[in-house]
C-alpha cells in the first residue's frame, strides 16, 4: 500500500503591508504628505479668515455735505480818514509877534495891543460872550492869549515857569506842570490857568525866544470840560511860529 505524503505546508505569508511598514521609504513618503497636509490646512484657514473679513458687512458712514461758501470779495475796503476840524477854521497871523494860529469860525475874536508897563499882545477868544455872572456860563469855552511877555533871557525857561506859579487862593497859574512842545518850542501846561471867574481850565506857557514867551489862560464850564479841553488842545496844535527858534 502506497504511503500517503503529507500535504505540503503552506508558507506563512507576512501580514498585509508588513513590508511597506518596514520600508523606510514608506515613512519618508508619509512624513512629506503629513507636512504638506499641515501646510495646506494652515493656508486654507488663512484664506478662510481673509475671506470672512472681506465679506463681513461694512458699516456705512455718511459725511455731511458742507454748504458751499460764496467767494469772498477781493475788493479792498477803504477806511474813512477822520476830518481835521481845523480845516475850515479862520487863521490869525501876526508878523510883529511872529506867530499864527487857527480858531473856529463862529468864535468871537478880539485882539488888543497893550500900552501898559509891558508891551504885549492880548487876544480874547470865546464861543460866546460871557455874562457878568461870577459863575461860569453853561457850555462856555474861552481863551486869553498874551504874546510877547518879557522874561529874563539868562534864565532857564523851566526855572522861569516854576517861579511864575502862585500859591493857593491867588489868581494865576498853579497846580502840577507838564512839559509839552508847541511847533517845536518848549512849553509847559499848568493844571490851572488862573482864569478870573467861575470857569477853570489849564494854563499854557510857551517860549517864543530867549526874551519873550506866550501865556494862555483857558476857562470852561466844568460840566463839559472833556469836550472843551479837547477844543483847547486842537487850537494849540495849530500854532505856528514864523521865526523859528526851536529848543
C-alpha atoms as a PDB file:
ATOM      1  CA  UNK A   1       0.000   0.000   0.000  1.00  0.00           C
ATOM      2  CA  UNK A   2       1.334   3.308  -1.093  1.00  0.00           C
ATOM      3  CA  UNK A   3       2.198   5.640   1.761  1.00  0.00           C
ATOM      4  CA  UNK A   4       0.435   8.959   1.557  1.00  0.00           C
ATOM      5  CA  UNK A   5       2.548  12.015   1.569  1.00  0.00           C
ATOM      6  CA  UNK A   6       1.588  14.626   3.983  1.00  0.00           C
ATOM      7  CA  UNK A   7       0.077  17.607   2.275  1.00  0.00           C
ATOM      8  CA  UNK A   8       2.565  20.325   1.620  1.00  0.00           C
ATOM      9  CA  UNK A   9       2.589  23.023   4.262  1.00  0.00           C
ATOM     10  CA  UNK A  10       1.652  26.439   3.102  1.00  0.00           C
ATOM     11  CA  UNK A  11       4.239  29.095   3.532  1.00  0.00           C
ATOM     12  CA  UNK A  12       3.320  31.647   6.121  1.00  0.00           C
ATOM     13  CA  UNK A  13       2.746  34.922   4.330  1.00  0.00           C
ATOM     14  CA  UNK A  14       3.703  38.128   6.005  1.00  0.00           C
ATOM     15  CA  UNK A  15       0.895  40.243   7.334  1.00  0.00           C
ATOM     16  CA  UNK A  16      -0.600  42.640   4.817  1.00  0.00           C
ATOM     17  CA  UNK A  17       1.501  45.798   4.273  1.00  0.00           C
ATOM     18  CA  UNK A  18       4.119  44.468   6.671  1.00  0.00           C
ATOM     19  CA  UNK A  19       6.760  45.060   4.044  1.00  0.00           C
ATOM     20  CA  UNK A  20       5.526  48.542   3.499  1.00  0.00           C
ATOM     21  CA  UNK A  21       5.576  49.326   7.172  1.00  0.00           C
ATOM     22  CA  UNK A  22       9.090  48.020   7.449  1.00  0.00           C
ATOM     23  CA  UNK A  23      10.237  50.031   4.413  1.00  0.00           C
ATOM     24  CA  UNK A  24      11.938  53.399   5.352  1.00  0.00           C
ATOM     25  CA  UNK A  25      10.891  54.986   2.071  1.00  0.00           C
ATOM     26  CA  UNK A  26       7.302  54.474   3.100  1.00  0.00           C
ATOM     27  CA  UNK A  27       7.747  56.554   6.222  1.00  0.00           C
ATOM     28  CA  UNK A  28       9.571  59.267   4.330  1.00  0.00           C
ATOM     29  CA  UNK A  29       6.681  59.486   1.908  1.00  0.00           C
ATOM     30  CA  UNK A  30       4.193  59.572   4.773  1.00  0.00           C
ATOM     31  CA  UNK A  31       6.097  62.397   6.544  1.00  0.00           C
ATOM     32  CA  UNK A  32       6.174  64.548   3.459  1.00  0.00           C
ATOM     33  CA  UNK A  33       2.476  64.014   2.928  1.00  0.00           C
ATOM     34  CA  UNK A  34       1.726  64.956   6.510  1.00  0.00           C
ATOM     35  CA  UNK A  35       3.857  68.073   6.225  1.00  0.00           C
ATOM     36  CA  UNK A  36       2.146  69.227   3.062  1.00  0.00           C
ATOM     37  CA  UNK A  37      -1.222  68.398   4.587  1.00  0.00           C
ATOM     38  CA  UNK A  38      -0.407  70.630   7.571  1.00  0.00           C
ATOM     39  CA  UNK A  39       0.798  73.477   5.330  1.00  0.00           C
ATOM     40  CA  UNK A  40      -2.291  73.168   3.186  1.00  0.00           C
ATOM     41  CA  UNK A  41      -4.520  73.264   6.234  1.00  0.00           C
ATOM     42  CA  UNK A  42      -2.823  76.420   7.509  1.00  0.00           C
ATOM     43  CA  UNK A  43      -3.152  78.129   4.102  1.00  0.00           C
ATOM     44  CA  UNK A  44      -6.791  77.042   3.932  1.00  0.00           C
ATOM     45  CA  UNK A  45      -7.586  78.583   7.335  1.00  0.00           C
ATOM     46  CA  UNK A  46      -5.749  81.796   6.454  1.00  0.00           C
ATOM     47  CA  UNK A  47      -7.709  82.128   3.210  1.00  0.00           C
ATOM     48  CA  UNK A  48     -10.920  81.353   5.068  1.00  0.00           C
ATOM     49  CA  UNK A  49     -10.177  84.078   7.662  1.00  0.00           C
ATOM     50  CA  UNK A  50      -9.341  86.655   4.986  1.00  0.00           C
ATOM     51  CA  UNK A  51     -12.494  85.876   3.009  1.00  0.00           C
ATOM     52  CA  UNK A  52     -14.571  86.138   6.200  1.00  0.00           C
ATOM     53  CA  UNK A  53     -13.146  89.573   6.973  1.00  0.00           C
ATOM     54  CA  UNK A  54     -13.582  90.813   3.404  1.00  0.00           C
ATOM     55  CA  UNK A  55     -17.138  89.564   3.146  1.00  0.00           C
ATOM     56  CA  UNK A  56     -18.134  90.988   6.555  1.00  0.00           C
ATOM     57  CA  UNK A  57     -20.779  93.720   6.073  1.00  0.00           C
ATOM     58  CA  UNK A  58     -19.184  97.158   6.439  1.00  0.00           C
ATOM     59  CA  UNK A  59     -20.917  99.910   8.409  1.00  0.00           C
ATOM     60  CA  UNK A  60     -21.599 102.768   6.053  1.00  0.00           C
ATOM     61  CA  UNK A  61     -20.663 106.241   7.290  1.00  0.00           C
ATOM     62  CA  UNK A  62     -22.131 109.311   5.736  1.00  0.00           C
ATOM     63  CA  UNK A  63     -20.196 112.576   5.556  1.00  0.00           C
ATOM     64  CA  UNK A  64     -22.450 115.637   5.718  1.00  0.00           C
ATOM     65  CA  UNK A  65     -22.118 117.885   2.726  1.00  0.00           C
ATOM     66  CA  UNK A  66     -20.921 121.323   3.738  1.00  0.00           C
ATOM     67  CA  UNK A  67     -22.699 124.228   2.067  1.00  0.00           C
ATOM     68  CA  UNK A  68     -20.538 125.992  -0.449  1.00  0.00           C
ATOM     69  CA  UNK A  69     -19.350 129.352   0.815  1.00  0.00           C
ATOM     70  CA  UNK A  70     -19.706 132.206  -1.614  1.00  0.00           C
ATOM     71  CA  UNK A  71     -16.339 133.537  -2.800  1.00  0.00           C
ATOM     72  CA  UNK A  72     -15.019 136.336  -0.647  1.00  0.00           C
ATOM     73  CA  UNK A  73     -14.676 139.678  -2.255  1.00  0.00           C
ATOM     74  CA  UNK A  74     -11.142 140.759  -3.085  1.00  0.00           C
ATOM     75  CA  UNK A  75     -12.119 144.397  -3.361  1.00  0.00           C
ATOM     76  CA  UNK A  76     -10.133 146.290  -0.688  1.00  0.00           C
ATOM     77  CA  UNK A  77     -12.173 148.244   1.799  1.00  0.00           C
ATOM     78  CA  UNK A  78     -11.331 151.845   2.470  1.00  0.00           C
ATOM     79  CA  UNK A  79     -11.124 153.277   5.963  1.00  0.00           C
ATOM     80  CA  UNK A  80     -12.580 156.762   6.144  1.00  0.00           C
ATOM     81  CA  UNK A  81      -9.972 159.340   7.102  1.00  0.00           C
ATOM     82  CA  UNK A  82     -11.143 161.425  10.056  1.00  0.00           C
ATOM     83  CA  UNK A  83     -11.606 165.015   9.024  1.00  0.00           C
ATOM     84  CA  UNK A  84      -9.445 167.680  10.629  1.00  0.00           C
ATOM     85  CA  UNK A  85     -11.813 170.040  12.463  1.00  0.00           C
ATOM     86  CA  UNK A  86      -9.368 172.921  11.917  1.00  0.00           C
ATOM     87  CA  UNK A  87      -9.525 172.649   8.121  1.00  0.00           C
ATOM     88  CA  UNK A  88     -12.251 175.300   7.784  1.00  0.00           C
ATOM     89  CA  UNK A  89     -11.186 177.440  10.748  1.00  0.00           C
ATOM     90  CA  UNK A  90     -10.115 181.044  10.497  1.00  0.00           C
ATOM     91  CA  UNK A  91      -6.407 181.911  10.680  1.00  0.00           C
ATOM     92  CA  UNK A  92      -4.969 184.718  12.767  1.00  0.00           C
ATOM     93  CA  UNK A  93      -1.431 185.806  11.819  1.00  0.00           C
ATOM     94  CA  UNK A  94       0.723 188.451  13.482  1.00  0.00           C
ATOM     95  CA  UNK A  95       4.042 189.340  11.860  1.00  0.00           C
ATOM     96  CA  UNK A  96       5.196 191.585  14.694  1.00  0.00           C
ATOM     97  CA  UNK A  97       4.907 188.892  17.335  1.00  0.00           C
ATOM     98  CA  UNK A  98       5.875 186.162  14.896  1.00  0.00           C
ATOM     99  CA  UNK A  99       3.128 183.549  15.175  1.00  0.00           C
ATOM    100  CA  UNK A 100      -0.190 182.402  13.769  1.00  0.00           C
ATOM    101  CA  UNK A 101      -2.947 180.022  14.820  1.00  0.00           C
ATOM    102  CA  UNK A 102      -6.425 178.878  13.813  1.00  0.00           C
ATOM    103  CA  UNK A 103      -9.723 179.123  15.661  1.00  0.00           C
ATOM    104  CA  UNK A 104     -13.360 178.102  14.976  1.00  0.00           C
ATOM    105  CA  UNK A 105     -15.203 180.364  12.539  1.00  0.00           C
ATOM    106  CA  UNK A 106     -18.141 181.005  14.858  1.00  0.00           C
ATOM    107  CA  UNK A 107     -15.990 182.074  17.814  1.00  0.00           C
ATOM    108  CA  UNK A 108     -15.696 185.693  18.987  1.00  0.00           C
ATOM    109  CA  UNK A 109     -12.225 187.121  18.374  1.00  0.00           C
ATOM    110  CA  UNK A 110     -10.734 190.287  19.886  1.00  0.00           C
ATOM    111  CA  UNK A 111      -7.079 191.389  19.755  1.00  0.00           C
ATOM    112  CA  UNK A 112      -5.625 194.413  21.561  1.00  0.00           C
ATOM    113  CA  UNK A 113      -2.168 195.921  21.678  1.00  0.00           C
ATOM    114  CA  UNK A 114      -1.461 196.849  25.287  1.00  0.00           C
ATOM    115  CA  UNK A 115       0.109 200.159  26.219  1.00  0.00           C
ATOM    116  CA  UNK A 116       0.785 199.277  29.814  1.00  0.00           C
ATOM    117  CA  UNK A 117       4.135 198.818  31.503  1.00  0.00           C
ATOM    118  CA  UNK A 118       4.914 195.859  29.278  1.00  0.00           C
ATOM    119  CA  UNK A 119       4.146 195.943  25.596  1.00  0.00           C
ATOM    120  CA  UNK A 120       2.383 192.701  24.703  1.00  0.00           C
ATOM    121  CA  UNK A 121      -0.480 191.432  22.566  1.00  0.00           C
ATOM    122  CA  UNK A 122      -3.710 190.464  24.317  1.00  0.00           C
ATOM    123  CA  UNK A 123      -6.153 188.201  22.426  1.00  0.00           C
ATOM    124  CA  UNK A 124      -9.569 187.052  23.659  1.00  0.00           C
ATOM    125  CA  UNK A 125     -11.325 184.076  22.097  1.00  0.00           C
ATOM    126  CA  UNK A 126     -14.653 182.537  23.146  1.00  0.00           C
ATOM    127  CA  UNK A 127     -17.509 180.502  21.733  1.00  0.00           C
ATOM    128  CA  UNK A 128     -19.894 183.212  23.006  1.00  0.00           C
ATOM    129  CA  UNK A 129     -19.685 186.381  25.051  1.00  0.00           C
ATOM    130  CA  UNK A 130     -19.561 185.597  28.749  1.00  0.00           C
ATOM    131  CA  UNK A 131     -22.087 187.236  31.057  1.00  0.00           C
ATOM    132  CA  UNK A 132     -21.229 189.194  34.203  1.00  0.00           C
ATOM    133  CA  UNK A 133     -22.305 186.206  36.270  1.00  0.00           C
ATOM    134  CA  UNK A 134     -19.376 185.257  38.570  1.00  0.00           C
ATOM    135  CA  UNK A 135     -20.191 181.600  37.937  1.00  0.00           C
ATOM    136  CA  UNK A 136     -19.199 180.053  34.622  1.00  0.00           C
ATOM    137  CA  UNK A 137     -21.927 180.166  31.977  1.00  0.00           C
ATOM    138  CA  UNK A 138     -23.050 176.686  30.836  1.00  0.00           C
ATOM    139  CA  UNK A 139     -21.118 175.355  27.794  1.00  0.00           C
ATOM    140  CA  UNK A 140     -18.764 178.357  27.830  1.00  0.00           C
ATOM    141  CA  UNK A 141     -15.267 177.989  26.343  1.00  0.00           C
ATOM    142  CA  UNK A 142     -12.747 180.806  26.236  1.00  0.00           C
ATOM    143  CA  UNK A 143      -9.056 181.629  25.923  1.00  0.00           C
ATOM    144  CA  UNK A 144      -6.947 184.685  26.639  1.00  0.00           C
ATOM    145  CA  UNK A 145      -3.634 184.653  24.778  1.00  0.00           C
ATOM    146  CA  UNK A 146      -0.918 187.045  25.920  1.00  0.00           C
ATOM    147  CA  UNK A 147       2.004 187.119  23.461  1.00  0.00           C
ATOM    148  CA  UNK A 148       5.324 188.940  23.731  1.00  0.00           C
ATOM    149  CA  UNK A 149       5.543 188.774  27.517  1.00  0.00           C
ATOM    150  CA  UNK A 150       9.081 189.566  28.698  1.00  0.00           C
ATOM    151  CA  UNK A 151      11.332 187.138  30.548  1.00  0.00           C
ATOM    152  CA  UNK A 152      14.911 187.097  31.746  1.00  0.00           C
ATOM    153  CA  UNK A 153      16.816 185.791  28.745  1.00  0.00           C
ATOM    154  CA  UNK A 154      19.547 184.397  31.001  1.00  0.00           C
ATOM    155  CA  UNK A 155      17.099 182.272  32.964  1.00  0.00           C
ATOM    156  CA  UNK A 156      16.264 178.711  32.026  1.00  0.00           C
ATOM    157  CA  UNK A 157      12.632 178.564  30.834  1.00  0.00           C
ATOM    158  CA  UNK A 158      11.748 175.691  33.150  1.00  0.00           C
ATOM    159  CA  UNK A 159      13.012 177.631  36.169  1.00  0.00           C
ATOM    160  CA  UNK A 160      11.203 180.731  34.968  1.00  0.00           C
ATOM    161  CA  UNK A 161       7.868 178.916  34.665  1.00  0.00           C
ATOM    162  CA  UNK A 162       8.180 177.476  38.153  1.00  0.00           C
ATOM    163  CA  UNK A 163       8.818 180.964  39.506  1.00  0.00           C
ATOM    164  CA  UNK A 164       5.535 182.184  37.949  1.00  0.00           C
ATOM    165  CA  UNK A 165       3.356 179.728  39.807  1.00  0.00           C
ATOM    166  CA  UNK A 166       1.377 181.133  42.706  1.00  0.00           C
ATOM    167  CA  UNK A 167       0.080 179.730  45.959  1.00  0.00           C
ATOM    168  CA  UNK A 168      -3.481 178.628  46.559  1.00  0.00           C
ATOM    169  CA  UNK A 169      -6.033 181.423  46.789  1.00  0.00           C
ATOM    170  CA  UNK A 170      -4.352 183.870  44.410  1.00  0.00           C
ATOM    171  CA  UNK A 171      -5.120 184.377  40.735  1.00  0.00           C
ATOM    172  CA  UNK A 172      -2.521 182.897  38.440  1.00  0.00           C
ATOM    173  CA  UNK A 173      -1.156 179.597  37.215  1.00  0.00           C
ATOM    174  CA  UNK A 174      -0.922 176.846  39.796  1.00  0.00           C
ATOM    175  CA  UNK A 175      -1.014 173.109  40.245  1.00  0.00           C
ATOM    176  CA  UNK A 176       1.051 170.448  38.528  1.00  0.00           C
ATOM    177  CA  UNK A 177       3.201 171.181  35.462  1.00  0.00           C
ATOM    178  CA  UNK A 178       3.571 169.048  32.344  1.00  0.00           C
ATOM    179  CA  UNK A 179       6.244 169.687  29.739  1.00  0.00           C
ATOM    180  CA  UNK A 180       4.928 169.987  26.170  1.00  0.00           C
ATOM    181  CA  UNK A 181       6.101 171.057  22.693  1.00  0.00           C
ATOM    182  CA  UNK A 182       4.287 173.612  20.564  1.00  0.00           C
ATOM    183  CA  UNK A 183       5.582 173.807  16.986  1.00  0.00           C
ATOM    184  CA  UNK A 184       8.976 172.658  18.242  1.00  0.00           C
ATOM    185  CA  UNK A 185       9.077 175.270  21.020  1.00  0.00           C
ATOM    186  CA  UNK A 186       9.342 174.344  24.691  1.00  0.00           C
ATOM    187  CA  UNK A 187       6.119 174.694  26.647  1.00  0.00           C
ATOM    188  CA  UNK A 188       4.538 173.802  29.976  1.00  0.00           C
ATOM    189  CA  UNK A 189       0.923 173.004  30.767  1.00  0.00           C
ATOM    190  CA  UNK A 190      -0.177 174.154  34.226  1.00  0.00           C
ATOM    191  CA  UNK A 191      -3.086 172.393  35.898  1.00  0.00           C
ATOM    192  CA  UNK A 192      -4.965 175.675  36.494  1.00  0.00           C
ATOM    193  CA  UNK A 193      -4.543 178.811  34.419  1.00  0.00           C
ATOM    194  CA  UNK A 194      -5.836 181.353  36.968  1.00  0.00           C
ATOM    195  CA  UNK A 195      -8.889 182.449  34.921  1.00  0.00           C
ATOM    196  CA  UNK A 196     -10.550 185.193  36.992  1.00  0.00           C
ATOM    197  CA  UNK A 197     -14.113 183.790  37.035  1.00  0.00           C
ATOM    198  CA  UNK A 198     -16.020 180.686  37.965  1.00  0.00           C
ATOM    199  CA  UNK A 199     -14.644 178.993  34.843  1.00  0.00           C
ATOM    200  CA  UNK A 200     -11.475 176.946  35.109  1.00  0.00           C
ATOM    201  CA  UNK A 201      -9.057 175.310  32.715  1.00  0.00           C
ATOM    202  CA  UNK A 202      -5.355 174.655  32.227  1.00  0.00           C
ATOM    203  CA  UNK A 203      -2.776 177.345  31.519  1.00  0.00           C
ATOM    204  CA  UNK A 204      -0.049 177.168  28.855  1.00  0.00           C
ATOM    205  CA  UNK A 205       3.454 178.668  28.928  1.00  0.00           C
ATOM    206  CA  UNK A 206       5.192 178.723  25.521  1.00  0.00           C
ATOM    207  CA  UNK A 207       8.704 180.063  24.980  1.00  0.00           C
ATOM    208  CA  UNK A 208       8.849 182.346  21.911  1.00  0.00           C
ATOM    209  CA  UNK A 209      12.567 183.141  22.148  1.00  0.00           C
ATOM    210  CA  UNK A 210      15.156 183.833  24.824  1.00  0.00           C
ATOM    211  CA  UNK A 211      13.481 187.091  25.916  1.00  0.00           C
ATOM    212  CA  UNK A 212       9.740 186.505  25.257  1.00  0.00           C
ATOM    213  CA  UNK A 213       7.057 183.972  25.989  1.00  0.00           C
ATOM    214  CA  UNK A 214       3.317 183.379  25.477  1.00  0.00           C
ATOM    215  CA  UNK A 215       0.869 182.609  28.249  1.00  0.00           C
ATOM    216  CA  UNK A 216      -2.619 181.255  27.545  1.00  0.00           C
ATOM    217  CA  UNK A 217      -5.446 181.353  30.090  1.00  0.00           C
ATOM    218  CA  UNK A 218      -8.340 178.961  29.473  1.00  0.00           C
ATOM    219  CA  UNK A 219     -11.754 178.825  31.076  1.00  0.00           C
ATOM    220  CA  UNK A 220     -14.592 176.367  30.585  1.00  0.00           C
ATOM    221  CA  UNK A 221     -17.793 175.111  32.130  1.00  0.00           C
ATOM    222  CA  UNK A 222     -16.865 172.296  34.490  1.00  0.00           C
ATOM    223  CA  UNK A 223     -19.800 170.151  33.320  1.00  0.00           C
ATOM    224  CA  UNK A 224     -18.396 169.790  29.774  1.00  0.00           C
ATOM    225  CA  UNK A 225     -14.675 170.018  30.393  1.00  0.00           C
ATOM    226  CA  UNK A 226     -13.663 166.908  28.461  1.00  0.00           C
ATOM    227  CA  UNK A 227     -15.050 168.310  25.194  1.00  0.00           C
ATOM    228  CA  UNK A 228     -13.787 171.803  25.969  1.00  0.00           C
ATOM    229  CA  UNK A 229     -10.262 170.730  26.861  1.00  0.00           C
ATOM    230  CA  UNK A 230     -10.112 168.821  23.580  1.00  0.00           C
ATOM    231  CA  UNK A 231     -11.044 172.044  21.767  1.00  0.00           C
ATOM    232  CA  UNK A 232      -8.236 173.933  23.551  1.00  0.00           C
ATOM    233  CA  UNK A 233      -5.715 171.284  22.502  1.00  0.00           C
ATOM    234  CA  UNK A 234      -6.939 171.485  18.901  1.00  0.00           C
ATOM    235  CA  UNK A 235      -6.421 175.262  18.842  1.00  0.00           C
ATOM    236  CA  UNK A 236      -2.988 174.886  20.417  1.00  0.00           C
ATOM    237  CA  UNK A 237      -1.979 172.299  17.809  1.00  0.00           C
ATOM    238  CA  UNK A 238      -2.459 174.907  15.039  1.00  0.00           C
ATOM    239  CA  UNK A 239       0.146 177.320  16.484  1.00  0.00           C
ATOM    240  CA  UNK A 240       2.972 178.122  14.046  1.00  0.00           C
ATOM    241  CA  UNK A 241       5.955 180.353  14.784  1.00  0.00           C
ATOM    242  CA  UNK A 242       7.113 182.474  11.862  1.00  0.00           C
ATOM    243  CA  UNK A 243      10.680 182.973  13.112  1.00  0.00           C
ATOM    244  CA  UNK A 244      11.664 179.567  14.358  1.00  0.00           C
ATOM    245  CA  UNK A 245      13.943 179.385  17.372  1.00  0.00           C
ATOM    246  CA  UNK A 246      13.324 175.775  18.445  1.00  0.00           C
ATOM    247  CA  UNK A 247      14.620 174.304  21.657  1.00  0.00           C
END
